[in-house]
Amino acid sequence: MITPPLTGFHASLPKGHDKLKSWQSSLNSYKPLADTGDYPGKDEIADGLTLVKKLLACDSSYKFIEQFNSQKKALLDLADQFNDLQNFYEHQKPTWEKLRKAYSRFRLNQFELERDIQAGPPLKRIKEILEAPIPYGIIKEAEDLITKANNVNSGLVTEHRKQAIEKIKGYIGTLTKDIQTAQGNETLRSSCVKPLEALCNQIEIQNSLAHITQAEAEALKQYDASILLIEEYVKKEAEKNLGKGTGTEPKPTVKKQRIVEPAKMVKTSYIETLEEVNGFIKTLREELEEAIANDERIKIR
């Protein structure tokens, strides 16, 4: 604890000035961080500097003692506040910054974490600490709160990454097989596969569940685009073979893909009657049969 420098102030103006200048120097060093709004003590530091400046402006012992006596209560309050501020900025600041950094990371997945019974309360408490006007006595809770929230967050991110990467690798596997069947060249392979590999690499370092989902959706779009590239390649190769004078149009090595989305065939929120069931099945069957009749391969989504 820092002893408030009030006793004996009246005995020596230089001694009192030295102590106040020390306070002033420390408060000025804390001010830039506090003024960002991300660190505590902004108002206390501003008020303290105003008080100290007023006292330091005294040019005689008489004026100094007079001001000191009139501001004694404010000086006592500042002494207590200075103790908290000095302890924070010289000792607690690393823990505070760790807490802020962790909270920024957790906010990427805020909705998922808030719904979790294990992570929700710690996340709420972290927010309370960071928003507390005087957090100095509760910063000690930081490590335990970070650990609890991080355990859940890491598990969620790891699982989402795994699922997304497995799905994209499935796309890559299908495309690779189709390219081999079509006897595609390296240019075709690179155009089809490399964008998906890049998305996998992106997901590996992504900590946001929303961004992982976004990358997964982008991978599906890229997969569909790659299927079209392969179909176009097959078509051009078939045209080349036809032009060689075989007289018959070669059968495509890779069938055209048709995407069938059953959910889009339902016009109501729910299927509630046998008639609606039969109507849905009829529509779906017609779509599937048409695809087979056109020698297409079906992708259900």
Protein backbone atom coordinates (compact mmCIF):
# COMPACT_ATOMS: atom_id res chain seq x y z
CA MET A 1 0.00 0.00 0.00
CA ILE A 2 1.20 3.53 -0.77
CA THR A 3 1.15 5.90 2.24
CA PRO A 4 -0.77 9.04 1.32
CA PRO A 5 1.77 11.90 1.24
CA LEU A 6 -0.32 14.22 3.39
CA THR A 7 1.51 14.15 6.74
CA GLY A 8 4.14 16.84 6.84
CA PHE A 9 3.11 18.56 3.62
CA HIS A 10 3.02 21.89 5.49
CA ALA A 11 6.56 21.46 6.79
CA SER A 12 8.28 21.70 3.45
CA LEU A 13 6.99 23.10 0.18
CA PRO A 14 9.71 21.41 -1.96
CA LYS A 15 9.03 18.04 -0.34
CA GLY A 16 5.30 18.38 -0.99
CA HIS A 17 5.97 19.52 -4.52
CA ASP A 18 8.20 16.51 -5.17
CA LYS A 19 5.51 14.08 -4.07
CA LEU A 20 2.81 15.79 -6.12
CA LYS A 21 5.08 15.88 -9.16
CA SER A 22 5.63 12.15 -8.74
CA TRP A 23 1.88 11.64 -8.74
CA GLN A 24 1.53 13.93 -11.74
CA SER A 25 4.18 12.01 -13.68
CA SER A 26 2.54 8.66 -12.95
CA LEU A 27 -0.96 9.88 -13.75
CA ASN A 28 0.24 11.38 -17.03
CA SER A 29 1.78 8.03 -17.97
CA TYR A 30 -1.52 6.23 -17.29
CA LYS A 31 -3.66 8.83 -19.09
CA PRO A 32 -3.08 7.79 -22.76
CA LEU A 33 -4.35 4.25 -22.14
CA ALA A 34 -7.23 5.39 -19.93
CA ASP A 35 -8.32 7.93 -22.55
CA THR A 36 -8.86 5.13 -25.09
CA GLY A 37 -11.79 3.93 -22.99
CA ASP A 38 -10.37 0.40 -22.93
CA TYR A 39 -8.64 0.85 -19.58
CA PRO A 40 -10.11 2.05 -16.26
CA GLY A 41 -9.52 5.29 -14.37
CA LYS A 42 -10.12 7.94 -17.03
CA ASP A 43 -12.19 10.27 -14.83
CA GLU A 44 -10.10 9.69 -11.71
CA ILE A 45 -6.90 10.43 -13.61
CA ALA A 46 -8.34 13.61 -15.13
CA ASP A 47 -9.64 14.85 -11.77
CA GLY A 48 -6.37 13.95 -10.05
CA LEU A 49 -4.27 15.82 -12.59
CA THR A 50 -6.52 18.87 -12.24
CA LEU A 51 -6.12 18.84 -8.45
CA VAL A 52 -2.36 18.29 -8.54
CA LYS A 53 -1.87 21.01 -11.15
CA LYS A 54 -3.74 23.48 -8.98
CA LEU A 55 -1.56 22.72 -5.96
CA LEU A 56 1.68 22.78 -7.93
CA ALA A 57 0.75 26.22 -9.24
CA CYS A 58 1.18 27.66 -5.71
CA ASP A 59 4.31 29.83 -5.67
CA SER A 60 4.66 30.17 -1.90
CA SER A 61 4.46 27.97 1.16
CA TYR A 62 1.56 30.05 2.50
CA LYS A 63 -0.55 29.59 -0.63
CA PHE A 64 0.39 25.94 -0.81
CA ILE A 65 -0.66 25.26 2.79
CA GLU A 66 -3.85 27.24 2.30
CA GLN A 67 -4.77 25.23 -0.81
CA PHE A 68 -3.73 22.00 0.85
CA ASN A 69 -6.03 22.59 3.82
CA SER A 70 -8.95 23.50 1.60
CA GLN A 71 -8.41 20.37 -0.60
CA LYS A 72 -7.53 17.90 2.16
CA LYS A 73 -10.55 15.64 1.60
CA ALA A 74 -9.98 15.60 -2.15
CA LEU A 75 -6.31 14.73 -1.57
CA LEU A 76 -7.24 11.84 0.70
CA ASP A 77 -9.61 10.51 -1.95
CA LEU A 78 -6.93 10.93 -4.61
CA ALA A 79 -4.43 9.05 -2.45
CA ASP A 80 -6.77 6.04 -2.32
CA GLN A 81 -7.49 6.29 -6.04
CA PHE A 82 -3.82 6.66 -6.89
CA ASN A 83 -3.04 3.47 -4.99
CA ASP A 84 -5.57 1.54 -7.10
CA LEU A 85 -4.39 3.16 -10.34
CA GLN A 86 -0.72 2.53 -9.65
CA ASN A 87 -1.37 -1.10 -8.74
CA PHE A 88 -3.42 -1.56 -11.89
CA TYR A 89 -1.10 0.07 -14.40
CA GLU A 90 2.06 -1.39 -12.89
CA HIS A 91 0.84 -4.87 -11.90
CA GLN A 92 -2.67 -5.75 -13.09
CA LYS A 93 -2.45 -4.39 -16.64
CA PRO A 94 -1.11 -7.65 -18.23
CA THR A 95 -4.05 -9.60 -16.77
CA TRP A 96 -6.47 -6.93 -17.95
CA GLU A 97 -5.06 -7.06 -21.48
CA LYS A 98 -5.26 -10.85 -21.48
CA LEU A 99 -8.90 -10.57 -20.41
CA ARG A 100 -9.67 -8.02 -23.15
CA LYS A 101 -7.96 -10.14 -25.80
CA ALA A 102 -9.83 -13.26 -24.69
CA TYR A 103 -13.16 -11.43 -24.70
CA SER A 104 -12.53 -10.16 -28.24
CA ARG A 105 -11.89 -13.75 -29.29
CA PHE A 106 -14.99 -15.05 -27.53
CA ARG A 107 -17.18 -12.33 -29.08
CA LEU A 108 -16.59 -13.91 -32.48
CA ASN A 109 -18.83 -16.74 -31.26
CA GLN A 110 -20.86 -14.74 -28.76
CA PHE A 111 -24.33 -16.14 -29.51
CA GLU A 112 -23.17 -19.76 -29.37
CA LEU A 113 -21.24 -19.22 -26.13
CA GLU A 114 -24.05 -17.29 -24.44
CA ARG A 115 -26.41 -20.22 -25.11
CA ASP A 116 -23.97 -22.69 -23.54
CA ILE A 117 -24.58 -23.38 -19.83
CA GLN A 118 -20.85 -23.75 -19.17
CA ALA A 119 -19.59 -20.72 -21.12
CA GLY A 120 -22.54 -18.33 -20.74
CA PRO A 121 -22.01 -17.23 -17.09
CA PRO A 122 -18.20 -16.76 -17.42
CA LEU A 123 -18.66 -14.72 -20.60
CA LYS A 124 -21.23 -12.52 -18.85
CA ARG A 125 -18.90 -12.02 -15.88
CA ILE A 126 -15.96 -11.11 -18.13
CA LYS A 127 -18.12 -8.41 -19.72
CA GLU A 128 -19.10 -7.10 -16.27
CA ILE A 129 -15.45 -6.84 -15.21
CA LEU A 130 -14.39 -5.04 -18.38
CA GLU A 131 -17.27 -2.57 -18.05
CA ALA A 132 -16.89 -2.02 -14.29
CA PRO A 133 -15.89 1.59 -13.44
CA ILE A 134 -13.71 0.30 -10.59
CA PRO A 135 -12.62 -3.24 -11.54
CA TYR A 136 -9.42 -3.44 -9.50
CA GLY A 137 -10.74 -5.79 -6.81
CA ILE A 138 -12.32 -8.29 -9.24
CA ILE A 139 -9.59 -8.62 -11.87
CA LYS A 140 -8.31 -11.61 -9.91
CA GLU A 141 -11.26 -13.61 -11.31
CA ALA A 142 -9.92 -13.27 -14.87
CA GLU A 143 -7.83 -16.44 -15.21
CA ASP A 144 -10.57 -18.80 -14.08
CA LEU A 145 -13.19 -17.10 -16.26
CA ILE A 146 -10.96 -17.20 -19.33
CA THR A 147 -10.23 -20.90 -18.81
CA LYS A 148 -13.92 -21.84 -18.49
CA ALA A 149 -15.05 -19.87 -21.54
CA ASN A 150 -12.05 -20.92 -23.60
CA ASN A 151 -12.64 -24.62 -23.01
CA VAL A 152 -16.09 -24.38 -24.58
CA ASN A 153 -15.03 -21.99 -27.34
CA SER A 154 -12.08 -24.17 -28.38
CA GLY A 155 -14.30 -27.23 -28.50
CA LEU A 156 -16.89 -25.50 -30.69
CA VAL A 157 -14.29 -24.14 -33.09
CA THR A 158 -12.44 -27.45 -33.34
CA GLU A 159 -15.64 -29.38 -34.11
CA HIS A 160 -16.84 -26.87 -36.71
CA ARG A 161 -13.43 -26.83 -38.38
CA LYS A 162 -13.37 -30.62 -38.52
CA GLN A 163 -16.83 -30.88 -40.06
CA ALA A 164 -16.19 -28.14 -42.61
CA ILE A 165 -12.81 -29.52 -43.69
CA GLU A 166 -14.20 -33.06 -44.00
CA LYS A 167 -16.98 -31.76 -46.22
CA ILE A 168 -14.59 -29.80 -48.43
CA LYS A 169 -12.22 -32.74 -48.69
CA GLY A 170 -15.22 -34.76 -49.85
CA TYR A 171 -15.77 -32.20 -52.60
CA ILE A 172 -12.10 -32.42 -53.54
CA GLY A 173 -12.29 -36.21 -53.66
CA THR A 174 -15.32 -36.16 -55.95
CA LEU A 175 -13.75 -33.56 -58.25
CA THR A 176 -10.46 -35.46 -58.41
CA LYS A 177 -12.29 -38.64 -59.40
CA ASP A 178 -14.27 -36.80 -62.08
CA ILE A 179 -11.15 -35.15 -63.47
CA GLN A 180 -9.43 -38.53 -63.69
CA THR A 181 -12.47 -40.05 -65.41
CA ALA A 182 -12.54 -37.16 -67.87
CA GLN A 183 -8.77 -37.50 -68.37
CA GLY A 184 -8.48 -33.84 -67.48
CA ASN A 185 -5.21 -31.95 -67.62
CA GLU A 186 -3.34 -30.18 -64.84
CA THR A 187 -4.92 -26.84 -65.73
CA LEU A 188 -8.39 -28.28 -65.13
CA ARG A 189 -7.31 -29.87 -61.87
CA SER A 190 -5.74 -26.65 -60.64
CA SER A 191 -8.82 -24.58 -61.54
CA CYS A 192 -11.15 -27.01 -59.77
CA VAL A 193 -9.20 -28.10 -56.71
CA LYS A 194 -6.87 -25.28 -55.65
CA PRO A 195 -9.64 -22.86 -54.58
CA LEU A 196 -11.06 -25.57 -52.31
CA GLU A 197 -7.64 -26.33 -50.86
CA ALA A 198 -7.22 -22.62 -50.14
CA LEU A 199 -10.53 -22.58 -48.28
CA CYS A 200 -9.39 -25.56 -46.20
CA ASN A 201 -6.23 -23.67 -45.24
CA GLN A 202 -8.32 -20.63 -44.37
CA ILE A 203 -10.60 -22.65 -42.10
CA GLU A 204 -7.60 -24.18 -40.30
CA ILE A 205 -6.72 -20.78 -38.81
CA GLN A 206 -10.24 -19.39 -38.46
CA ASN A 207 -11.64 -18.85 -34.93
CA SER A 208 -15.06 -17.54 -35.91
CA LEU A 209 -17.83 -20.11 -36.27
CA ALA A 210 -19.70 -17.75 -38.60
CA HIS A 211 -16.65 -17.36 -40.83
CA ILE A 212 -16.14 -21.12 -40.90
CA THR A 213 -19.75 -21.55 -42.00
CA GLN A 214 -19.25 -18.83 -44.59
CA ALA A 215 -16.15 -20.56 -45.95
CA GLU A 216 -18.06 -23.84 -46.08
CA ALA A 217 -20.84 -22.18 -48.11
CA GLU A 218 -18.24 -20.66 -50.42
CA ALA A 219 -16.72 -24.12 -50.88
CA LEU A 220 -20.09 -25.46 -52.04
CA LYS A 221 -20.35 -22.65 -54.60
CA GLN A 222 -16.82 -23.39 -55.76
CA TYR A 223 -17.62 -27.10 -56.00
CA ASP A 224 -20.64 -26.40 -58.22
CA ALA A 225 -18.55 -24.08 -60.38
CA SER A 226 -15.87 -26.76 -60.68
CA ILE A 227 -18.46 -29.36 -61.75
CA LEU A 228 -19.48 -27.01 -64.55
CA LEU A 229 -15.83 -26.61 -65.58
CA ILE A 230 -15.45 -30.38 -65.79
CA GLU A 231 -18.69 -30.73 -67.76
CA GLU A 232 -17.52 -28.05 -70.17
CA TYR A 233 -14.16 -29.77 -70.54
CA VAL A 234 -15.86 -33.11 -71.28
CA LYS A 235 -18.12 -31.43 -73.83
CA LYS A 236 -15.19 -29.84 -75.66
CA GLU A 237 -13.26 -33.09 -75.68
CA ALA A 238 -16.30 -34.89 -77.10
CA GLU A 239 -16.58 -32.26 -79.84
CA LYS A 240 -12.91 -32.77 -80.70
CA ASN A 241 -13.41 -36.52 -81.01
CA LEU A 242 -16.51 -35.99 -83.16
CA GLY A 243 -14.48 -33.79 -85.44
CA LYS A 244 -11.95 -36.55 -86.01
CA GLY A 245 -14.45 -38.32 -88.29
CA THR A 246 -15.79 -41.07 -86.06
CA GLY A 247 -19.27 -40.33 -87.39
CA THR A 248 -20.95 -40.76 -84.02
CA GLU A 249 -21.06 -38.49 -81.02
CA PRO A 250 -18.94 -39.97 -78.19
CA LYS A 251 -20.69 -40.67 -74.90
CA PRO A 252 -19.56 -38.20 -72.20
CA THR A 253 -17.10 -39.70 -69.73
CA VAL A 254 -18.64 -37.69 -66.89
CA LYS A 255 -22.41 -37.25 -66.68
CA LYS A 256 -23.93 -33.82 -66.22
CA GLN A 257 -24.93 -33.05 -62.65
CA ARG A 258 -28.48 -32.16 -61.65
CA ILE A 259 -29.01 -30.70 -58.18
CA VAL A 260 -32.29 -31.75 -56.58
CA GLU A 261 -33.43 -29.87 -53.48
CA PRO A 262 -36.52 -31.57 -52.00
CA ALA A 263 -37.14 -28.78 -49.48
CA LYS A 264 -37.78 -26.34 -52.33
CA MET A 265 -40.53 -28.59 -53.66
CA VAL A 266 -42.65 -27.99 -50.58
CA LYS A 267 -44.75 -24.84 -50.87
CA THR A 268 -46.03 -24.82 -47.28
CA SER A 269 -44.27 -24.68 -43.91
CA TYR A 270 -45.41 -28.22 -43.05
CA ILE A 271 -46.70 -31.33 -44.79
CA GLU A 272 -49.84 -32.21 -42.83
CA THR A 273 -52.07 -34.33 -45.05
CA LEU A 274 -51.77 -37.54 -47.05
CA GLU A 275 -52.64 -35.55 -50.16
CA GLU A 276 -49.69 -33.23 -49.54
CA VAL A 277 -47.43 -36.23 -48.97
CA ASN A 278 -48.46 -37.79 -52.28
CA GLY A 279 -48.05 -34.46 -54.08
CA PHE A 280 -44.52 -34.01 -52.71
CA ILE A 281 -43.49 -37.57 -53.59
CA LYS A 282 -44.95 -37.19 -57.09
CA THR A 283 -43.03 -33.96 -57.72
CA LEU A 284 -39.80 -35.41 -56.38
CA ARG A 285 -40.16 -38.62 -58.39
CA GLU A 286 -40.81 -36.70 -61.61
CA GLU A 287 -37.70 -34.60 -61.05
CA LEU A 288 -35.55 -37.68 -60.40
CA GLU A 289 -36.95 -39.60 -63.36
CA GLU A 290 -36.39 -36.66 -65.68
CA ALA A 291 -32.75 -36.47 -64.60
CA ILE A 292 -32.21 -40.20 -65.21
CA ALA A 293 -33.95 -39.97 -68.60
CA ASN A 294 -31.52 -37.18 -69.54
CA ASP A 295 -28.59 -39.36 -68.51
CA GLU A 296 -27.77 -36.99 -65.65
CA ARG A 297 -26.38 -37.83 -62.23
CA ILE A 298 -28.34 -36.54 -59.27
CA LYS A 299 -27.03 -34.56 -56.33
CA ILE A 300 -29.53 -34.34 -53.44
CA ARG A 301 -29.37 -31.26 -51.20
